[in-house]
Amino acid sequence: MAHRVLILEDDESLRLVIAKALSRAGFEVRATASTDAALERLVRREVDVLLADVLLGRESFLDRLDEVTRVRPDIPVIIMSAQTTARTAIEAGKAGVFEYLPKPFDLNDMVAVIKRSLEDVGPSLPSSAAPGFGGLVGRSPAMQEAFRALGRLARTASPVLFTGPEGSGRAHCARVLVSETGVVGPVIEAGPARMRREGAGLLETAAGGALVLRRADAWDDETQDWVQEALENPRGDSPRILATATPEIARHMRPALLSHLAIGRVQLPPLRERGEDRALLFAHFLAEQSPAREMDEEVRQYINAQVWADEVLGMKRVALHLSMQGARGPLRVAEIEAAIQEFSGRDPAADLTEAAARFFGASLAQGETEISEKAQLAVDRGLFSAALDATQGVRQDAAKLLGLNRNTLTRRLAALESDPHEA
């Protein structure tokens, strides 16, 4: 397998020259002029070495290098620059760059440097856990955007608001950001009850450090008062404030406070929008407490199709429960099903039966008719949405999971689109 080189260069002609030289030398070559596009490729682990220009338009690549090391700490980075100054070379060295190539350089020398950087590094195969920023896991576009936001915010001391569904890992992401920024003072966490009890005294407790304030949706007026005062009138030793909330926070928080708190914002998607991240996450949690267990395609599809109660938190509980059982060998769907049922204490089919009975009762009370057809549309909507999420929108694969042929699925999806009761 050939090593893969990513060229980050905004000069199109030079990018082409370098790409041709590397292709002749036997490398697989990717190229881009965008640092954000390069970071996306790094998160997806598509390359083995990064060759980057220092000046990219008005942006200095060295200012973004910390984002590279967070998403791919293992990758060799080689920079090239027409600014042949000691300062550039020193900054590159401090940042852990493998080599600094002053322009103009000999293409053979460039090839030799890249080969040397890879002498002790094999081709980077896709990681089963795909760690992103600070060990967080995810390859989906939504999580890649969250990783980029975390990388940017790690360079600042601004307040940050983490939004996402309950259980999506908002507080964990806040802890990761604090850890990655190297806060030396105390790091204090508090939920609504403690915030009401201790009030602004928490600012003194966390002076010089960071304050992670959870569930902003539930803050009362008095709590909002002191948090807003702290953000509007910071002192020299004021802690950095990070808060967590649901995406509907604007309904519960006064606009003035929200504008201060959301200077930096990280949005965490629900699991249903994270595609194959779900199986990656499950494997990551499973391996935290026990040796990794092999997961075949059937298991991965089951995990990706599952509607996880309590989001990431619920998935983690199930995975850790399985890891504590001490079983060995390939993971089986039946084991996951049993663990989910043990936590829920119910058979999912029983929940569906009860939901159908409630649907019938509510429809009857409203004087509706053709209740069975409407119930089938509601069930189809949930099933098809989950199946398409699990297969990244590929209808043929979704139909296979559902036990339908593709034409039948397409016809029933069309019926849903024309359903006058569609919310």
Protein backbone atom coordinates (compact mmCIF):
# COMPACT_ATOMS: atom_id res chain seq x y z
CA MET A 1 0.00 0.00 0.00
CA ALA A 2 1.48 3.33 -1.10
CA HIS A 3 1.95 6.09 1.42
CA ARG A 4 -0.46 9.00 1.06
CA VAL A 5 0.74 12.60 1.02
CA LEU A 6 -1.52 15.61 1.47
CA ILE A 7 -0.27 18.84 -0.10
CA LEU A 8 -1.61 22.05 1.47
CA GLU A 9 -0.57 24.83 -0.92
CA ASP A 10 -2.55 27.78 -2.28
CA ASP A 11 -0.30 28.33 -5.32
CA GLU A 12 -2.00 26.17 -7.94
CA SER A 13 1.02 25.87 -10.28
CA LEU A 14 3.37 24.87 -7.45
CA ARG A 15 0.79 22.46 -6.10
CA LEU A 16 0.68 20.76 -9.49
CA VAL A 17 4.48 20.55 -9.79
CA ILE A 18 4.82 19.01 -6.33
CA ALA A 19 1.96 16.58 -6.95
CA LYS A 20 3.57 15.31 -10.17
CA ALA A 21 6.95 14.85 -8.47
CA LEU A 22 5.40 12.88 -5.60
CA SER A 23 3.32 10.73 -7.96
CA ARG A 24 6.47 9.84 -9.94
CA ALA A 25 8.10 8.86 -6.63
CA GLY A 26 5.32 6.34 -5.96
CA PHE A 27 3.16 8.27 -3.47
CA GLU A 28 -0.61 8.60 -3.54
CA VAL A 29 -1.25 12.35 -3.65
CA ARG A 30 -4.08 14.49 -2.31
CA ALA A 31 -3.96 18.27 -2.63
CA THR A 32 -5.93 21.25 -1.35
CA ALA A 33 -5.59 25.00 -0.83
CA SER A 34 -7.84 25.00 2.27
CA THR A 35 -6.66 24.34 5.82
CA ASP A 36 -10.21 23.35 6.83
CA ALA A 37 -10.38 20.82 3.98
CA ALA A 38 -6.98 19.46 5.04
CA LEU A 39 -8.18 19.04 8.63
CA GLU A 40 -11.22 17.11 7.43
CA ARG A 41 -8.96 14.67 5.58
CA LEU A 42 -6.78 14.31 8.66
CA VAL A 43 -9.77 13.54 10.88
CA ARG A 44 -10.84 10.86 8.38
CA ARG A 45 -7.27 9.47 8.48
CA GLU A 46 -6.97 9.59 4.70
CA VAL A 47 -3.28 10.57 4.62
CA ASP A 48 0.05 9.55 6.14
CA VAL A 49 2.07 12.77 5.90
CA LEU A 50 1.21 16.46 5.53
CA LEU A 51 3.27 18.84 3.36
CA ALA A 52 2.06 22.39 4.01
CA ASP A 53 2.97 25.91 2.96
CA VAL A 54 3.30 28.38 5.82
CA LEU A 55 1.49 31.31 4.19
CA LEU A 56 -1.94 30.45 2.82
CA GLY A 57 -3.42 33.73 1.68
CA ARG A 58 -3.69 35.87 4.79
CA GLU A 59 -3.51 32.86 7.08
CA SER A 60 -0.41 31.36 8.65
CA PHE A 61 -0.47 27.58 8.78
CA LEU A 62 1.59 27.73 11.98
CA ASP A 63 -1.41 29.35 13.70
CA ARG A 64 -3.49 26.27 12.86
CA LEU A 65 -0.84 23.66 13.60
CA ASP A 66 -2.24 22.91 17.06
CA GLU A 67 -5.48 21.79 15.40
CA VAL A 68 -3.48 19.35 13.29
CA THR A 69 -1.69 17.88 16.30
CA ARG A 70 -4.99 17.46 18.15
CA VAL A 71 -6.77 15.56 15.40
CA ARG A 72 -3.68 13.61 14.22
CA PRO A 73 -0.84 13.72 16.76
CA ASP A 74 0.84 10.81 14.95
CA ILE A 75 1.21 12.41 11.52
CA PRO A 76 4.55 13.83 10.30
CA VAL A 77 4.21 17.48 9.25
CA ILE A 78 6.65 19.08 6.80
CA ILE A 79 6.35 22.78 6.10
CA MET A 80 7.67 24.83 3.20
CA SER A 81 8.07 28.59 3.12
CA ALA A 82 9.49 31.40 1.04
CA GLN A 83 10.01 33.24 4.33
CA THR A 84 13.48 31.90 4.96
CA THR A 85 13.85 33.51 8.36
CA ALA A 86 15.12 32.11 11.63
CA ARG A 87 11.82 33.00 13.27
CA THR A 88 9.84 30.78 10.90
CA ALA A 89 12.22 27.88 11.40
CA ILE A 90 12.23 28.32 15.19
CA GLU A 91 8.44 28.49 15.37
CA ALA A 92 8.21 25.36 13.23
CA GLY A 93 10.67 23.54 15.47
CA LYS A 94 8.84 24.52 18.64
CA ALA A 95 5.60 23.26 17.12
CA GLY A 96 7.08 19.81 16.53
CA VAL A 97 7.28 20.03 12.73
CA PHE A 98 9.32 17.17 11.26
CA GLU A 99 11.19 19.29 8.70
CA TYR A 100 11.31 22.83 7.36
CA LEU A 101 11.89 23.28 3.60
CA PRO A 102 12.83 26.81 2.54
CA LYS A 103 11.61 27.75 -0.96
CA PRO A 104 12.89 27.22 -3.55
CA PHE A 105 13.87 23.64 -2.82
CA ASP A 106 15.01 20.68 -4.89
CA LEU A 107 12.16 18.28 -5.59
CA ASN A 108 14.44 15.29 -4.99
CA ASP A 109 15.33 16.71 -1.57
CA MET A 110 11.61 17.08 -0.81
CA VAL A 111 10.95 13.45 -1.76
CA ALA A 112 13.86 12.32 0.42
CA VAL A 113 12.54 14.27 3.42
CA ILE A 114 9.07 12.76 3.04
CA LYS A 115 10.50 9.25 2.80
CA ARG A 116 12.62 9.86 5.89
CA SER A 117 9.59 11.09 7.84
CA LEU A 118 7.81 7.84 7.07
CA GLU A 119 10.64 5.43 7.82
CA ASP A 120 9.15 4.48 11.19
CA VAL A 121 5.52 5.08 10.27
CA GLY A 122 3.44 2.60 8.26
CA PRO A 123 0.51 3.60 6.07
CA SER A 124 -2.23 5.02 8.26
CA LEU A 125 -5.11 2.57 8.14
CA PRO A 126 -8.52 3.84 9.21
CA SER A 127 -8.73 3.75 12.97
CA SER A 128 -11.52 1.70 14.49
CA ALA A 129 -11.96 4.35 17.14
CA ALA A 130 -11.08 7.35 14.94
CA PRO A 131 -10.10 9.70 17.76
CA GLY A 132 -10.62 13.35 16.99
CA PHE A 133 -9.95 16.29 19.29
CA GLY A 134 -8.55 15.18 22.65
CA GLY A 135 -9.59 11.56 22.21
CA LEU A 136 -13.19 12.33 21.23
CA VAL A 137 -14.49 9.89 18.65
CA GLY A 138 -16.14 10.66 15.33
CA ARG A 139 -15.78 10.77 11.57
CA SER A 140 -19.17 12.24 10.67
CA PRO A 141 -19.23 15.76 9.18
CA ALA A 142 -21.08 17.09 12.23
CA MET A 143 -18.41 15.81 14.62
CA GLN A 144 -15.60 17.02 12.38
CA GLU A 145 -17.11 20.49 12.62
CA ALA A 146 -17.23 20.14 16.41
CA PHE A 147 -13.54 19.12 16.42
CA ARG A 148 -12.61 22.18 14.35
CA ALA A 149 -14.56 24.43 16.71
CA LEU A 150 -12.80 22.90 19.72
CA GLY A 151 -9.43 23.42 18.04
CA ARG A 152 -10.18 27.10 17.44
CA LEU A 153 -11.54 27.65 20.94
CA ALA A 154 -8.53 25.99 22.55
CA ARG A 155 -6.51 29.03 21.48
CA THR A 156 -8.79 31.48 23.30
CA ALA A 157 -10.08 32.17 26.81
CA SER A 158 -13.59 33.14 25.66
CA PRO A 159 -16.78 31.69 27.16
CA VAL A 160 -18.08 28.61 25.35
CA LEU A 161 -21.60 27.20 25.09
CA PHE A 162 -21.89 23.47 24.32
CA THR A 163 -25.29 22.58 22.88
CA GLY A 164 -26.75 19.17 22.08
CA PRO A 165 -29.40 16.72 23.25
CA GLU A 166 -29.33 15.47 26.83
CA GLY A 167 -26.74 12.72 27.07
CA SER A 168 -24.82 13.78 23.95
CA GLY A 169 -21.57 14.36 25.84
CA ARG A 170 -21.68 18.14 26.27
CA ALA A 171 -20.00 18.22 29.69
CA HIS A 172 -17.39 15.70 28.56
CA CYS A 173 -16.50 17.93 25.61
CA ALA A 174 -16.18 20.88 27.97
CA ARG A 175 -13.79 18.86 30.16
CA VAL A 176 -11.75 17.90 27.10
CA LEU A 177 -11.45 21.54 26.04
CA VAL A 178 -10.31 22.55 29.52
CA SER A 179 -7.78 19.72 29.55
CA GLU A 180 -6.41 20.59 26.10
CA THR A 181 -5.94 24.26 27.00
CA GLY A 182 -3.74 23.40 29.98
CA VAL A 183 -5.68 25.32 32.63
CA VAL A 184 -3.50 25.49 35.75
CA GLY A 185 -6.11 26.76 38.23
CA PRO A 186 -9.02 24.83 39.73
CA VAL A 187 -11.64 23.34 37.43
CA ILE A 188 -15.06 23.40 39.08
CA GLU A 189 -18.26 21.80 37.76
CA ALA A 190 -21.71 22.77 38.93
CA GLY A 191 -25.29 22.02 37.98
CA PRO A 192 -28.37 24.19 38.62
CA ALA A 193 -28.80 23.08 42.25
CA ARG A 194 -25.24 23.89 43.29
CA MET A 195 -25.35 27.15 41.32
CA ARG A 196 -28.43 28.22 43.26
CA ARG A 197 -26.88 27.16 46.55
CA GLU A 198 -23.41 28.73 46.16
CA GLY A 199 -24.21 31.49 43.69
CA ALA A 200 -21.40 33.84 42.66
CA GLY A 201 -19.16 32.22 45.28
CA LEU A 202 -18.34 29.62 42.62
CA LEU A 203 -16.38 32.32 40.81
CA GLU A 204 -14.05 32.64 43.81
CA THR A 205 -13.70 28.88 44.10
CA ALA A 206 -12.66 28.60 40.45
CA ALA A 207 -10.54 31.78 40.33
CA GLY A 208 -7.70 31.44 37.82
CA GLY A 209 -9.15 28.23 36.41
CA ALA A 210 -12.34 27.18 34.68
CA LEU A 211 -15.99 26.87 35.61
CA VAL A 212 -18.10 24.24 33.81
CA LEU A 213 -21.76 25.12 34.37
CA ARG A 214 -24.22 22.43 33.31
CA ARG A 215 -27.85 22.49 32.10
CA ALA A 216 -28.20 26.20 31.38
CA ASP A 217 -31.83 25.56 30.37
CA ALA A 218 -32.65 25.10 34.08
CA TRP A 219 -30.94 28.21 35.48
CA ASP A 220 -33.28 30.43 37.48
CA ASP A 221 -33.31 34.24 37.22
CA GLU A 222 -30.92 34.75 40.13
CA THR A 223 -28.39 32.35 38.61
CA GLN A 224 -28.64 34.06 35.25
CA ASP A 225 -28.03 37.39 37.02
CA TRP A 226 -24.68 36.45 38.55
CA VAL A 227 -23.43 34.57 35.48
CA GLN A 228 -24.23 37.57 33.27
CA GLU A 229 -22.54 39.94 35.72
CA ALA A 230 -19.42 37.75 35.70
CA LEU A 231 -19.27 37.75 31.90
CA GLU A 232 -19.93 41.46 31.52
CA ASN A 233 -17.44 42.53 34.19
CA PRO A 234 -14.57 40.00 34.29
CA ARG A 235 -11.70 40.40 36.74
CA GLY A 236 -8.07 39.49 36.25
CA ASP A 237 -8.46 36.10 37.91
CA SER A 238 -11.96 35.34 36.58
CA PRO A 239 -12.34 31.70 35.56
CA ARG A 240 -13.13 30.74 32.02
CA ILE A 241 -16.84 29.92 31.86
CA LEU A 242 -18.11 26.96 29.85
CA ALA A 243 -21.78 26.03 29.86
CA THR A 244 -23.92 23.18 28.53
CA ALA A 245 -27.48 23.35 27.23
CA THR A 246 -29.96 21.82 24.82
CA PRO A 247 -30.34 23.36 21.33
CA GLU A 248 -33.54 25.08 22.58
CA ILE A 249 -31.59 27.24 25.07
CA ALA A 250 -32.88 30.49 23.52
CA ARG A 251 -36.34 29.67 24.93
CA HIS A 252 -35.01 29.59 28.48
CA MET A 253 -32.23 32.17 28.66
CA ARG A 254 -32.40 35.92 28.43
CA PRO A 255 -30.89 37.18 25.13
CA ALA A 256 -28.25 39.40 26.76
CA LEU A 257 -26.77 36.48 28.72
CA LEU A 258 -26.95 34.14 25.74
CA SER A 259 -25.03 36.60 23.55
CA HIS A 260 -22.20 36.71 26.11
CA LEU A 261 -22.16 32.98 26.79
CA ALA A 262 -22.22 31.88 23.15
CA ILE A 263 -19.19 33.87 21.98
CA GLY A 264 -17.76 30.42 21.39
CA ARG A 265 -20.17 27.67 20.49
CA VAL A 266 -19.80 23.92 19.97
CA GLN A 267 -22.81 22.06 18.65
CA LEU A 268 -22.96 18.32 19.28
CA PRO A 269 -25.30 16.36 17.00
CA PRO A 270 -27.77 13.72 18.18
CA LEU A 271 -26.61 10.14 17.60
CA ARG A 272 -29.13 9.66 14.80
CA GLU A 273 -27.17 12.21 12.74
CA ARG A 274 -23.77 10.64 13.35
CA GLY A 275 -23.98 7.75 10.87
CA GLU A 276 -21.21 5.19 11.29
CA ASP A 277 -19.85 7.08 14.30
CA ARG A 278 -22.27 5.04 16.40
CA ALA A 279 -20.46 1.76 15.82
CA LEU A 280 -17.10 3.49 16.28
CA LEU A 281 -18.28 4.98 19.58
CA PHE A 282 -19.61 1.65 20.80
CA ALA A 283 -16.30 -0.07 20.03
CA HIS A 284 -14.44 2.76 21.79
CA PHE A 285 -16.53 2.42 24.96
CA LEU A 286 -16.33 -1.37 24.86
CA ALA A 287 -12.53 -1.25 24.75
CA GLU A 288 -12.25 1.16 27.70
CA GLN A 289 -12.64 -1.62 30.27
CA SER A 290 -11.73 -4.81 28.39
CA PRO A 291 -9.79 -6.08 25.36
CA ALA A 292 -11.33 -5.03 22.06
CA ARG A 293 -13.87 -7.45 20.61
CA GLU A 294 -14.38 -7.96 16.91
CA MET A 295 -17.57 -6.50 15.43
CA ASP A 296 -18.81 -7.86 12.10
CA GLU A 297 -20.98 -5.98 9.61
CA GLU A 298 -24.21 -7.31 11.13
CA VAL A 299 -23.26 -5.97 14.56
CA ARG A 300 -22.16 -2.60 13.17
CA GLN A 301 -25.40 -2.25 11.23
CA TYR A 302 -27.43 -3.12 14.33
CA ILE A 303 -25.60 -0.51 16.43
CA ASN A 304 -25.94 2.13 13.72
CA ALA A 305 -29.66 1.41 13.32
CA GLN A 306 -30.43 1.36 17.05
CA VAL A 307 -32.30 4.31 18.55
CA TRP A 308 -30.20 4.87 21.67
CA ALA A 309 -32.11 6.03 24.72
CA ASP A 310 -30.18 8.80 26.52
CA GLU A 311 -27.95 9.34 23.48
CA VAL A 312 -24.19 8.78 23.97
CA LEU A 313 -24.65 8.29 27.71
CA GLY A 314 -27.10 5.43 27.14
CA MET A 315 -24.82 3.78 24.57
CA LYS A 316 -21.88 4.03 26.95
CA ARG A 317 -23.85 2.34 29.75
CA VAL A 318 -24.69 -0.60 27.49
CA ALA A 319 -21.12 -0.94 26.18
CA LEU A 320 -19.57 -0.77 29.66
CA HIS A 321 -22.10 -3.31 30.93
CA LEU A 322 -21.03 -5.71 28.17
CA SER A 323 -17.34 -5.12 28.86
CA MET A 324 -17.85 -6.02 32.52
CA GLN A 325 -19.29 -9.42 31.55
CA GLY A 326 -15.79 -10.53 30.58
CA ALA A 327 -16.93 -12.34 27.44
CA ARG A 328 -14.39 -13.01 24.70
CA GLY A 329 -14.56 -13.50 20.96
CA PRO A 330 -16.66 -11.66 18.38
CA LEU A 331 -19.49 -9.50 19.71
CA ARG A 332 -22.96 -10.78 18.84
CA VAL A 333 -26.18 -8.83 18.22
CA ALA A 334 -27.98 -10.99 20.80
CA GLU A 335 -25.59 -9.77 23.53
CA ILE A 336 -26.32 -6.12 22.72
CA GLU A 337 -30.06 -6.73 22.57
CA ALA A 338 -29.99 -8.42 25.97
CA ALA A 339 -27.97 -5.59 27.51
CA ILE A 340 -30.31 -2.93 26.10
CA GLN A 341 -33.35 -4.81 27.40
CA GLU A 342 -31.73 -5.23 30.82
CA PHE A 343 -31.23 -1.48 31.12
CA SER A 344 -34.64 -0.57 29.78
CA GLY A 345 -36.35 -3.40 31.62
CA ARG A 346 -38.75 -3.75 28.71
CA ASP A 347 -39.14 -5.57 25.42
CA PRO A 348 -39.05 -2.95 22.60
CA ALA A 349 -41.95 -4.77 20.93
CA ALA A 350 -44.04 -4.17 24.06
CA ASP A 351 -43.27 -0.45 23.88
CA LEU A 352 -44.40 -0.39 20.25
CA THR A 353 -47.62 -2.25 21.13
CA GLU A 354 -48.42 0.24 23.89
CA ALA A 355 -47.63 3.16 21.59
CA ALA A 356 -50.02 1.75 18.98
CA ALA A 357 -52.76 1.44 21.60
CA ARG A 358 -52.22 5.05 22.71
CA PHE A 359 -52.28 6.20 19.08
CA PHE A 360 -55.59 4.42 18.53
CA GLY A 361 -57.11 5.93 21.68
CA ALA A 362 -56.02 9.48 20.81
CA SER A 363 -57.25 9.15 17.22
CA LEU A 364 -60.61 7.73 18.33
CA ALA A 365 -61.07 10.56 20.83
CA GLN A 366 -60.61 13.06 18.00
CA GLY A 367 -63.25 11.30 15.90
CA GLU A 368 -60.77 10.19 13.26
CA THR A 369 -61.30 7.25 10.90
CA GLU A 370 -58.91 5.08 8.84
CA ILE A 371 -56.80 4.85 11.97
CA SER A 372 -54.88 1.76 10.82
CA GLU A 373 -53.61 3.49 7.67
CA LYS A 374 -52.49 6.55 9.65
CA ALA A 375 -50.75 4.36 12.23
CA GLN A 376 -48.91 2.50 9.46
CA LEU A 377 -47.69 5.80 8.03
CA ALA A 378 -46.41 6.83 11.47
CA VAL A 379 -44.60 3.51 11.95
CA ASP A 380 -43.14 3.68 8.43
CA ARG A 381 -41.88 7.18 9.09
CA GLY A 382 -39.92 6.05 12.14
CA LEU A 383 -38.64 2.81 10.59
CA PHE A 384 -37.56 4.34 7.30
CA SER A 385 -35.89 7.31 8.93
CA ALA A 386 -33.86 5.02 11.23
CA ALA A 387 -32.92 2.68 8.36
CA LEU A 388 -31.78 5.53 6.11
CA ASP A 389 -29.76 7.03 8.97
CA ALA A 390 -28.10 3.65 9.55
CA THR A 391 -27.14 3.28 5.87
CA GLN A 392 -26.08 6.88 5.20
CA GLY A 393 -29.14 7.44 2.98
CA VAL A 394 -28.46 4.48 0.63
CA ARG A 395 -31.97 3.23 -0.16
CA GLN A 396 -30.91 -0.18 -1.44
CA ASP A 397 -29.08 -0.92 1.82
CA ALA A 398 -31.96 0.49 3.88
CA ALA A 399 -34.43 -1.72 2.03
CA LYS A 400 -32.27 -4.77 2.78
CA LEU A 401 -32.29 -3.98 6.50
CA LEU A 402 -36.06 -3.62 6.45
CA GLY A 403 -36.63 -6.81 4.44
CA LEU A 404 -38.11 -4.87 1.52
CA ASN A 405 -37.06 -4.49 -2.08
CA ARG A 406 -35.86 -1.07 -3.19
CA ASN A 407 -38.94 -0.30 -5.31
CA THR A 408 -41.28 -1.02 -2.39
CA LEU A 409 -39.27 1.26 -0.12
CA THR A 410 -39.27 4.03 -2.74
CA ARG A 411 -43.04 3.74 -3.19
CA ARG A 412 -43.70 3.87 0.55
CA LEU A 413 -41.34 6.81 1.01
CA ALA A 414 -43.29 8.64 -1.69
CA ALA A 415 -46.51 7.91 0.23
CA LEU A 416 -44.95 9.50 3.32
CA GLU A 417 -43.96 12.61 1.38
CA SER A 418 -47.55 13.08 0.22
CA ASP A 419 -49.02 12.34 3.68
CA PRO A 420 -51.08 15.39 4.76
CA HIS A 421 -50.40 14.47 8.40
CA GLU A 422 -46.60 14.79 7.95
CA ALA A 423 -45.37 17.16 10.67
